N, C-alpha and C. Protein backbone atom coordinates (compact mmCIF):
# COMPACT_ATOMS: atom_id res chain seq x y z
N MET A 1 12.61 275.37 95.99
CA MET A 1 12.80 274.37 95.13
C MET A 1 12.23 273.31 96.93
N LEU A 2 11.24 272.13 96.13
CA LEU A 2 10.88 270.97 97.13
C LEU A 2 11.49 269.71 96.25
N THR A 3 12.11 268.76 96.77
CA THR A 3 12.39 267.67 96.06
C THR A 3 12.12 266.27 97.06
N GLY A 4 11.58 265.27 96.34
CA GLY A 4 11.58 264.18 97.06
C GLY A 4 11.92 263.11 96.35
N GLY A 5 12.31 262.06 96.81
CA GLY A 5 13.12 260.82 96.04
C GLY A 5 12.84 259.32 96.96
N LEU A 6 12.95 258.30 96.09
CA LEU A 6 12.91 256.81 96.32
C LEU A 6 13.84 256.33 95.86
N VAL A 7 14.61 255.27 96.89
CA VAL A 7 15.42 254.75 96.21
C VAL A 7 15.09 253.19 96.65
N LEU A 8 15.06 252.26 95.44
CA LEU A 8 14.83 250.99 95.61
C LEU A 8 16.07 249.96 95.15
N GLY A 9 16.47 249.65 95.71
CA GLY A 9 17.93 248.63 95.40
C GLY A 9 18.70 249.48 94.06
N HIS A 10 19.03 249.54 92.90
CA HIS A 10 19.79 250.26 92.09
C HIS A 10 18.97 251.28 91.09
N ALA A 11 17.73 251.31 91.85
CA ALA A 11 16.95 252.71 91.09
C ALA A 11 16.49 253.76 91.94
N LYS A 12 16.39 254.62 91.28
CA LYS A 12 15.94 256.12 92.02
C LYS A 12 15.11 256.69 91.33
N LEU A 13 14.21 257.33 92.15
CA LEU A 13 12.84 258.24 91.40
C LEU A 13 12.90 259.51 92.53
N GLU A 14 13.05 260.64 91.52
CA GLU A 14 13.41 261.94 91.83
C GLU A 14 12.21 262.99 91.58
N VAL A 15 11.48 263.54 92.19
CA VAL A 15 10.48 264.60 91.66
C VAL A 15 10.77 265.99 92.55
N SER A 16 10.57 267.18 91.76
CA SER A 16 11.07 268.32 92.08
C SER A 16 9.84 269.25 91.84
N ARG A 17 9.43 270.40 92.65
CA ARG A 17 8.76 271.38 92.54
C ARG A 17 9.66 272.63 92.72
N PHE A 18 9.56 273.57 91.82
CA PHE A 18 10.17 274.83 91.77
C PHE A 18 9.71 275.93 90.59
N ASN A 19 10.36 276.98 91.11
CA ASN A 19 10.31 278.34 90.00
C ASN A 19 10.89 278.18 88.95
N GLY A 20 10.20 277.93 87.81
CA GLY A 20 11.04 277.56 86.59
C GLY A 20 11.50 278.88 85.62
N ARG A 21 10.95 279.91 86.29
CA ARG A 21 11.64 281.18 85.61
C ARG A 21 13.41 281.25 85.76
N GLU A 22 13.78 281.48 84.72
CA GLU A 22 15.52 281.70 84.82
C GLU A 22 15.84 282.89 85.45
N PRO A 23 17.20 283.18 86.34
CA PRO A 23 17.21 283.89 86.64
C PRO A 23 17.40 285.28 86.01
N ASP A 24 17.52 286.66 86.30
CA ASP A 24 17.75 287.75 85.73
C ASP A 24 18.93 288.13 85.84
N GLN A 25 19.33 289.30 84.97
CA GLN A 25 20.92 289.66 84.83
C GLN A 25 21.53 289.51 86.13
N TYR A 26 21.09 290.07 87.76
CA TYR A 26 21.75 290.17 88.85
C TYR A 26 21.69 288.73 89.31
N ARG A 27 22.81 288.00 89.08
CA ARG A 27 23.15 286.71 89.57
C ARG A 27 23.53 286.41 90.92
N TYR A 28 23.79 287.50 91.47
CA TYR A 28 24.06 287.41 92.89
C TYR A 28 22.86 287.56 94.21
N ASN A 29 21.60 287.79 94.07
CA ASN A 29 20.55 287.80 94.45
C ASN A 29 19.75 286.62 94.35
N ILE A 30 18.93 286.20 95.49
CA ILE A 30 17.94 285.21 95.74
C ILE A 30 17.04 285.38 94.74
N GLU A 31 16.39 284.74 93.50
CA GLU A 31 15.25 284.84 92.96
C GLU A 31 14.17 283.94 93.68
N THR A 32 13.37 284.41 93.71
CA THR A 32 11.72 284.07 94.32
C THR A 32 10.46 283.80 93.63
N GLY A 33 9.70 283.03 93.76
CA GLY A 33 8.33 282.88 92.97
C GLY A 33 7.94 281.60 93.08
N PRO A 34 6.48 281.62 92.63
CA PRO A 34 5.87 280.15 92.95
C PRO A 34 6.56 278.94 92.34
N LEU A 35 6.31 278.20 93.01
CA LEU A 35 6.58 276.66 92.65
C LEU A 35 5.89 276.37 91.69
N ASN A 36 5.92 276.52 90.43
CA ASN A 36 5.09 276.38 89.24
C ASN A 36 5.64 275.81 88.11
N SER A 37 6.58 275.11 88.37
CA SER A 37 7.28 274.11 87.51
C SER A 37 7.54 272.38 88.07
N THR A 38 7.61 271.59 87.34
CA THR A 38 8.01 270.21 88.10
C THR A 38 9.05 269.47 87.03
N ALA A 39 9.68 268.59 87.88
CA ALA A 39 10.71 267.86 86.94
C ALA A 39 10.74 266.25 87.59
N VAL A 40 11.06 265.28 86.99
CA VAL A 40 11.03 263.91 87.37
C VAL A 40 12.24 263.52 86.79
N ARG A 41 12.93 262.57 87.51
CA ARG A 41 13.95 262.18 86.73
C ARG A 41 13.85 260.70 87.57
N VAL A 42 14.07 259.59 86.83
CA VAL A 42 14.45 258.13 87.09
C VAL A 42 15.84 257.78 86.67
N SER A 43 16.77 257.07 87.64
CA SER A 43 17.66 256.34 87.08
C SER A 43 17.90 254.99 87.77
N TRP A 44 19.00 254.41 86.96
CA TRP A 44 19.37 253.26 87.41
C TRP A 44 20.69 252.70 87.29
N ASN A 45 20.93 252.17 87.99
CA ASN A 45 22.51 251.55 87.68
C ASN A 45 22.68 249.87 88.01
N PRO A 46 22.53 249.13 86.82
CA PRO A 46 22.43 247.93 86.68
C PRO A 46 23.46 247.04 87.01
N THR A 47 24.45 247.84 86.91
CA THR A 47 26.14 247.50 87.63
C THR A 47 26.62 248.68 87.99
N ARG A 48 27.98 248.09 88.39
CA ARG A 48 28.45 249.43 89.23
C ARG A 48 29.41 250.21 87.95
N THR A 49 29.60 249.64 86.67
CA THR A 49 30.16 250.36 85.74
C THR A 49 29.10 251.30 84.62
N LEU A 50 27.73 250.74 84.94
CA LEU A 50 26.68 251.35 84.24
C LEU A 50 25.73 252.46 84.79
N ALA A 51 25.50 253.31 84.19
CA ALA A 51 24.30 254.36 84.68
C ALA A 51 23.51 255.01 83.66
N LEU A 52 21.94 254.80 83.92
CA LEU A 52 21.15 254.96 82.88
C LEU A 52 20.15 256.55 83.63
N GLN A 53 19.72 257.16 82.93
CA GLN A 53 18.77 258.17 83.47
C GLN A 53 18.05 258.62 82.55
N GLY A 54 16.81 258.96 82.88
CA GLY A 54 15.65 259.58 81.96
C GLY A 54 15.06 260.77 82.70
N SER A 55 14.51 261.76 82.17
CA SER A 55 13.91 262.86 82.96
C SER A 55 12.95 263.78 82.04
N TYR A 56 11.86 264.29 82.84
CA TYR A 56 11.02 265.15 81.99
C TYR A 56 10.53 266.49 82.76
N GLY A 57 10.85 267.38 82.38
CA GLY A 57 10.39 268.47 83.03
C GLY A 57 9.61 269.48 82.05
N TYR A 58 8.93 270.34 82.84
CA TYR A 58 7.82 271.21 82.79
C TYR A 58 7.99 272.55 83.22
N PHE A 59 8.42 273.25 82.71
CA PHE A 59 8.75 274.94 82.77
C PHE A 59 7.82 275.75 82.67
N LYS A 60 6.87 276.60 83.74
CA LYS A 60 5.90 277.40 83.30
C LYS A 60 6.82 278.78 83.41
N ASP A 61 6.42 279.27 81.87
CA ASP A 61 6.80 280.83 81.74
C ASP A 61 8.56 281.02 82.34
N PRO A 62 9.34 280.24 81.81
CA PRO A 62 10.74 280.24 81.95
C PRO A 62 11.44 281.53 81.52
N GLU A 63 11.23 282.29 80.50
CA GLU A 63 12.12 282.96 79.51
C GLU A 63 11.49 284.45 80.09
N GLN A 64 12.30 285.55 80.64
CA GLN A 64 11.63 286.65 80.68
C GLN A 64 11.33 287.45 79.62
N LEU A 65 11.98 287.14 78.45
CA LEU A 65 11.85 287.72 77.34
C LEU A 65 10.85 287.34 76.31
N GLU A 66 10.23 286.15 76.84
CA GLU A 66 9.02 285.21 76.36
C GLU A 66 7.98 285.05 77.17
N PRO A 67 7.42 286.07 77.79
CA PRO A 67 6.55 285.54 79.08
C PRO A 67 4.96 284.94 78.45
N GLY A 68 4.78 283.96 79.33
CA GLY A 68 3.68 283.19 78.79
C GLY A 68 3.68 281.93 78.22
N VAL A 69 5.08 281.98 77.67
CA VAL A 69 5.33 280.63 77.11
C VAL A 69 6.09 279.44 77.80
N ASN A 70 5.50 278.32 77.76
CA ASN A 70 5.87 277.07 78.80
C ASN A 70 6.82 276.36 77.52
N GLN A 71 7.65 275.40 78.65
CA GLN A 71 8.61 274.60 77.78
C GLN A 71 8.52 273.19 78.67
N LYS A 72 8.82 272.19 77.68
CA LYS A 72 8.66 271.09 78.22
C LYS A 72 10.14 270.31 77.79
N ARG A 73 10.70 269.75 78.56
CA ARG A 73 12.38 269.07 78.20
C ARG A 73 12.05 267.77 78.67
N LEU A 74 12.99 266.81 77.73
CA LEU A 74 12.92 265.40 77.96
C LEU A 74 14.56 265.15 77.89
N SER A 75 14.98 264.24 78.58
CA SER A 75 16.53 263.74 78.47
C SER A 75 16.55 262.40 78.72
N ALA A 76 17.74 261.91 78.06
CA ALA A 76 17.94 260.21 78.53
C ALA A 76 19.27 260.40 78.39
N SER A 77 20.47 259.67 79.19
CA SER A 77 21.82 259.03 79.09
C SER A 77 22.01 257.84 79.50
N ILE A 78 23.23 257.48 78.75
CA ILE A 78 23.76 256.24 79.64
C ILE A 78 25.29 256.63 79.67
N LEU A 79 25.67 256.26 80.75
CA LEU A 79 27.22 256.41 81.39
C LEU A 79 27.88 255.06 81.48
N TYR A 80 29.20 255.20 81.15
CA TYR A 80 29.60 253.94 81.33
C TYR A 80 31.22 254.29 81.77
N ALA A 81 31.91 253.71 82.99
CA ALA A 81 33.06 253.78 83.27
C ALA A 81 33.68 252.87 83.94
N ASP A 82 34.99 252.40 83.41
CA ASP A 82 35.44 251.35 83.83
C ASP A 82 36.99 251.34 83.53
N GLU A 83 38.00 250.41 84.19
CA GLU A 83 39.27 249.90 83.65
C GLU A 83 39.22 249.05 82.84
N ILE A 84 39.81 249.50 81.61
CA ILE A 84 39.71 248.63 80.42
C ILE A 84 40.79 247.86 80.26
N ALA A 85 41.91 248.30 80.78
CA ALA A 85 43.44 247.33 80.82
C ALA A 85 44.21 248.00 82.12
N PRO A 86 45.15 247.22 82.60
CA PRO A 86 45.74 247.65 83.61
C PRO A 86 46.20 249.35 83.88
N GLY A 87 45.70 250.02 84.49
CA GLY A 87 46.37 251.59 84.06
C GLY A 87 45.53 252.38 83.42
N PHE A 88 44.38 251.77 82.73
CA PHE A 88 43.84 252.51 81.56
C PHE A 88 42.44 252.84 81.96
N LYS A 89 41.86 253.43 82.36
CA LYS A 89 40.37 254.14 82.80
C LYS A 89 39.71 254.71 81.67
N LEU A 90 38.47 254.12 81.27
CA LEU A 90 37.38 254.53 79.87
C LEU A 90 36.48 255.06 80.93
N ALA A 91 35.95 256.45 80.24
CA ALA A 91 34.60 256.95 80.76
C ALA A 91 33.64 257.40 79.38
N THR A 92 32.59 257.10 79.22
CA THR A 92 31.94 257.35 78.20
C THR A 92 30.41 258.07 78.58
N THR A 93 30.08 258.80 77.73
CA THR A 93 28.34 258.98 77.76
C THR A 93 28.10 259.40 76.37
N LEU A 94 26.91 258.53 76.39
CA LEU A 94 25.97 259.32 75.24
C LEU A 94 24.60 259.80 75.77
N ALA A 95 24.11 260.77 75.05
CA ALA A 95 23.05 261.74 75.87
C ALA A 95 22.16 262.05 74.71
N TRP A 96 20.72 262.30 75.22
CA TRP A 96 19.77 263.12 74.20
C TRP A 96 19.29 263.86 75.03
N GLY A 97 18.51 264.94 74.49
CA GLY A 97 17.64 265.95 75.31
C GLY A 97 16.77 266.34 74.00
N ARG A 98 15.68 266.92 74.51
CA ARG A 98 14.44 267.48 73.63
C ARG A 98 13.92 268.97 74.29
N LYS A 99 13.69 269.80 73.83
CA LYS A 99 12.99 270.96 74.33
C LYS A 99 11.79 271.25 73.31
N THR A 100 10.84 271.47 73.99
CA THR A 100 9.81 271.69 73.09
C THR A 100 9.01 272.64 73.55
N ILE A 101 8.57 273.89 72.53
CA ILE A 101 7.94 275.29 73.11
C ILE A 101 6.93 275.67 71.91
N GLU A 102 6.02 275.36 72.22
CA GLU A 102 4.68 275.85 71.62
C GLU A 102 4.48 274.95 70.38
N GLY A 103 4.64 273.54 70.90
CA GLY A 103 4.37 272.28 69.71
C GLY A 103 5.58 272.01 69.01
N ARG A 104 6.91 272.96 68.90
CA ARG A 104 8.13 272.75 67.86
C ARG A 104 9.12 272.24 69.12
N SER A 105 9.64 270.97 68.38
CA SER A 105 10.46 270.42 69.33
C SER A 105 11.84 270.65 68.55
N ASP A 106 13.08 270.77 69.57
CA ASP A 106 14.36 270.54 68.90
C ASP A 106 15.13 269.73 69.40
N ASP A 107 15.86 268.71 69.18
CA ASP A 107 16.43 267.60 69.85
C ASP A 107 18.08 268.21 69.70
N ALA A 108 18.88 267.76 70.69
CA ALA A 108 20.15 267.55 70.93
C ALA A 108 20.49 266.11 71.28
N TYR A 109 21.87 266.02 70.54
CA TYR A 109 22.68 264.58 71.07
C TYR A 109 24.27 264.74 70.95
N ALA A 110 24.55 263.91 72.08
CA ALA A 110 26.08 264.34 72.55
C ALA A 110 26.87 262.92 72.67
N ALA A 111 27.96 262.73 72.41
CA ALA A 111 28.79 261.57 72.83
C ALA A 111 29.98 261.97 73.16
N GLU A 112 30.62 261.50 74.58
CA GLU A 112 31.98 261.75 74.82
C GLU A 112 32.72 260.87 75.67
N ALA A 113 33.82 260.76 75.50
CA ALA A 113 34.37 259.84 76.14
C ALA A 113 36.21 260.30 76.19
N SER A 114 36.42 259.29 77.54
CA SER A 114 37.97 260.19 77.57
C SER A 114 38.46 258.65 78.20
N VAL A 115 39.79 258.90 77.93
CA VAL A 115 40.77 257.54 78.60
C VAL A 115 41.98 258.12 79.45
N LYS A 116 41.80 257.62 80.64
CA LYS A 116 43.07 258.02 81.43
C LYS A 116 44.25 257.07 81.45
N HIS A 117 45.22 257.53 81.38
CA HIS A 117 46.58 256.47 82.12
C HIS A 117 47.40 257.39 82.41
N LYS A 118 47.78 256.90 83.78
CA LYS A 118 48.88 257.45 85.02
C LYS A 118 48.15 259.33 84.68
N GLY A 119 49.14 259.88 84.33
CA GLY A 119 48.82 261.39 84.36
C GLY A 119 48.13 262.10 83.19
N TRP A 120 47.78 261.37 82.18
CA TRP A 120 47.33 261.70 81.17
C TRP A 120 45.87 261.54 80.79
N THR A 121 45.13 262.20 80.08
CA THR A 121 43.83 262.32 79.71
C THR A 121 43.58 262.29 78.77
N VAL A 122 43.17 261.49 77.46
CA VAL A 122 42.68 262.01 76.19
C VAL A 122 41.41 261.87 76.11
N PHE A 123 40.59 263.23 75.49
CA PHE A 123 39.24 263.23 75.53
C PHE A 123 38.64 263.59 74.22
N GLY A 124 37.54 263.35 74.06
CA GLY A 124 36.72 263.76 72.69
C GLY A 124 35.11 264.21 73.17
N ARG A 125 34.76 264.62 72.39
CA ARG A 125 33.40 264.96 72.26
C ARG A 125 32.56 265.48 71.09
N GLY A 126 31.31 264.85 70.70
CA GLY A 126 30.71 265.09 69.45
C GLY A 126 29.41 265.73 69.83
N GLU A 127 28.68 266.76 69.29
CA GLU A 127 27.49 266.77 69.55
C GLU A 127 26.78 267.54 68.56
N VAL A 128 25.24 267.26 68.44
CA VAL A 128 24.43 268.13 67.27
C VAL A 128 23.47 268.53 68.04
N THR A 129 22.82 269.39 67.75
CA THR A 129 22.07 270.60 68.31
C THR A 129 21.12 270.89 67.33
N GLN A 130 19.88 270.63 67.19
CA GLN A 130 18.48 271.78 66.47
C GLN A 130 18.57 272.74 67.47
N ASN A 131 18.13 273.84 66.82
CA ASN A 131 18.02 275.11 67.57
C ASN A 131 17.03 276.04 66.60
N SER A 132 15.91 276.29 67.19
CA SER A 132 15.31 277.06 66.25
C SER A 132 15.19 278.84 67.07
N GLU A 133 16.19 279.10 67.95
CA GLU A 133 16.49 280.26 68.73
C GLU A 133 17.42 281.27 68.56
N LEU A 134 18.22 280.62 67.54
CA LEU A 134 19.40 281.31 66.86
C LEU A 134 19.16 282.91 66.00
N ILE A 135 18.13 282.77 65.79
CA ILE A 135 18.05 284.38 65.09
C ILE A 135 16.99 284.79 65.77
N ALA A 136 17.03 285.83 65.97
CA ALA A 136 15.97 287.17 67.11
C ALA A 136 15.09 287.32 66.20
N THR A 137 13.47 286.80 66.19
CA THR A 137 12.34 287.25 65.85
C THR A 137 11.30 287.09 66.59
N LEU A 138 10.37 287.51 66.29
CA LEU A 138 8.94 287.78 67.47
C LEU A 138 8.72 286.22 67.56
N GLU A 139 8.76 285.49 66.68
CA GLU A 139 8.41 283.91 66.83
C GLU A 139 9.46 283.17 66.40
N HIS A 140 9.60 281.98 66.91
CA HIS A 140 10.87 281.05 66.73
C HIS A 140 10.92 281.04 65.39
N GLY A 141 12.11 281.22 65.04
CA GLY A 141 12.61 281.17 63.39
C GLY A 141 12.93 279.92 62.74
N PRO A 142 13.25 279.92 61.84
CA PRO A 142 13.90 278.50 61.12
C PRO A 142 14.77 277.52 62.17
N ALA A 143 14.79 276.20 62.08
CA ALA A 143 15.64 275.63 62.78
C ALA A 143 16.86 275.12 62.04
N TYR A 144 17.93 275.59 62.75
CA TYR A 144 19.35 275.26 62.68
C TYR A 144 19.53 273.81 63.10
N THR A 145 20.44 273.01 62.34
CA THR A 145 21.11 272.18 62.63
C THR A 145 22.77 272.55 63.46
N VAL A 146 23.36 272.49 64.30
CA VAL A 146 24.69 273.05 64.72
C VAL A 146 25.47 271.56 65.06
N GLY A 147 26.60 271.43 64.82
CA GLY A 147 27.38 270.16 65.27
C GLY A 147 28.90 270.93 65.96
N LYS A 148 29.23 270.05 66.61
CA LYS A 148 30.40 270.47 66.93
C LYS A 148 31.36 269.19 67.46
N ALA A 149 32.89 269.42 67.35
CA ALA A 149 33.57 268.02 67.87
C ALA A 149 34.93 268.70 68.21
N SER A 150 35.17 268.10 69.53
CA SER A 150 36.13 268.35 69.82
C SER A 150 37.37 267.26 70.32
N LEU A 151 38.87 267.42 70.21
CA LEU A 151 39.68 266.53 70.72
C LEU A 151 40.51 266.73 71.62
N GLY A 152 40.90 266.69 72.74
CA GLY A 152 41.95 267.20 73.50
C GLY A 152 42.70 266.35 74.62
N LEU A 153 43.75 266.84 75.06
CA LEU A 153 44.64 266.13 75.98
C LEU A 153 44.76 267.08 77.26
N VAL A 154 44.88 266.30 78.46
CA VAL A 154 45.34 266.84 79.39
C VAL A 154 46.31 266.28 80.32
N ARG A 155 47.08 266.84 80.91
CA ARG A 155 48.22 266.18 81.75
C ARG A 155 47.89 266.53 83.35
N ASP A 156 47.56 265.60 84.06
CA ASP A 156 47.55 266.33 85.82
C ASP A 156 48.84 266.34 86.24
N VAL A 157 48.86 267.52 86.94
CA VAL A 157 50.30 267.56 87.97
C VAL A 157 49.66 267.59 89.59
N ARG A 158 50.44 266.60 90.19
CA ARG A 158 49.63 266.54 91.45
C ARG A 158 50.73 267.69 92.33
N LEU A 159 49.77 268.45 92.97
CA LEU A 159 50.32 269.53 93.92
C LEU A 159 50.24 269.08 95.49
N ALA A 160 49.47 268.38 95.67
CA ALA A 160 49.45 267.80 97.37
C ALA A 160 48.58 266.19 97.15
N GLU A 161 48.43 265.66 97.98
CA GLU A 161 47.83 264.32 98.19
C GLU A 161 46.51 264.38 97.65
N HIS A 162 45.70 265.37 97.90
CA HIS A 162 44.23 265.42 97.39
C HIS A 162 43.63 266.79 96.52
N LEU A 163 44.89 267.04 95.54
CA LEU A 163 45.09 268.25 94.99
C LEU A 163 45.82 267.94 93.90
N SER A 164 45.16 268.21 92.55
CA SER A 164 45.94 268.32 91.15
C SER A 164 45.30 269.42 90.16
N VAL A 165 46.03 269.47 89.20
CA VAL A 165 45.75 270.47 88.46
C VAL A 165 46.06 270.19 86.88
N GLY A 166 44.88 270.40 86.13
CA GLY A 166 45.20 269.61 84.54
C GLY A 166 45.98 270.78 84.09
N ILE A 167 46.70 270.30 82.59
CA ILE A 167 47.15 271.24 81.80
C ILE A 167 47.13 270.65 80.65
N GLY A 168 46.41 271.48 79.80
CA GLY A 168 46.16 270.75 78.48
C GLY A 168 45.45 271.58 77.81
N GLY A 169 44.79 270.91 76.63
CA GLY A 169 43.73 271.84 75.48
C GLY A 169 43.38 271.18 74.40
N LEU A 170 42.57 271.87 73.58
CA LEU A 170 41.78 271.10 72.67
C LEU A 170 42.85 271.25 71.48
N VAL A 171 43.09 270.16 70.88
CA VAL A 171 44.22 269.94 69.60
C VAL A 171 43.21 269.89 68.44
N LEU A 172 41.96 269.80 68.68
CA LEU A 172 41.00 269.85 67.33
C LEU A 172 39.57 270.20 67.98
N HIS A 173 38.91 271.27 67.08
CA HIS A 173 37.90 271.76 67.31
C HIS A 173 37.30 272.19 65.81
N PHE A 174 36.00 271.47 65.86
CA PHE A 174 35.56 271.61 64.87
C PHE A 174 33.83 272.06 64.79
N ILE A 175 33.33 273.10 64.05
CA ILE A 175 31.96 273.20 64.38
C ILE A 175 31.11 273.72 62.98
N CYS A 176 30.11 273.05 62.82
CA CYS A 176 29.85 273.38 61.47
C CYS A 176 27.95 273.39 61.58
N GLY A 177 27.13 274.10 60.76
CA GLY A 177 25.62 274.46 61.10
C GLY A 177 25.21 274.45 59.56
N ARG A 178 23.82 274.15 59.91
CA ARG A 178 22.97 274.47 58.33
C ARG A 178 21.35 274.68 58.87
N ARG A 179 20.98 274.99 57.87
CA ARG A 179 19.45 275.44 57.73
C ARG A 179 18.50 274.44 57.64
N VAL A 180 17.68 274.17 58.37
CA VAL A 180 17.00 272.99 58.25
C VAL A 180 15.65 273.36 57.29
N VAL A 181 14.84 274.51 58.16
CA VAL A 181 13.74 275.26 57.52
C VAL A 181 12.53 274.77 58.55
């Protein structure tokens, strides 16, 4: 991978060239290959509490099971984090992504937030994804829209000055889907 970047004030531009092939089932070895794919990301932090980013990627022949099929990926996100009241910290993210394969685009959306007070964190996440790869066919099958919502709680237990462990779980987890055609 080769990456270069430029920072101007609160804005940053990054460009990378890399091997776009997904790794094989042997995750412990180093994958090699030509630098045949490109990614560009622009990020901007207009304030200390707000971060915006957008990215584009072109992946040449990324999937071993679909040789010769290239992908384009776009993403955009907004992150906000601040103390909203004494002792209460809020962090939120809104994100969108699109994957385009052979002219067909699938979109995904996510929204998540957490509120932390003392050692407690309440968090939630919702996401909706279009996917035309859920059913194994020779060609990309019909598109499905799949949604998921989660709500949870974590209690941080401090073990040392710079070490904590969180104990908690999801109290609500909901998944739904439908065929779009």
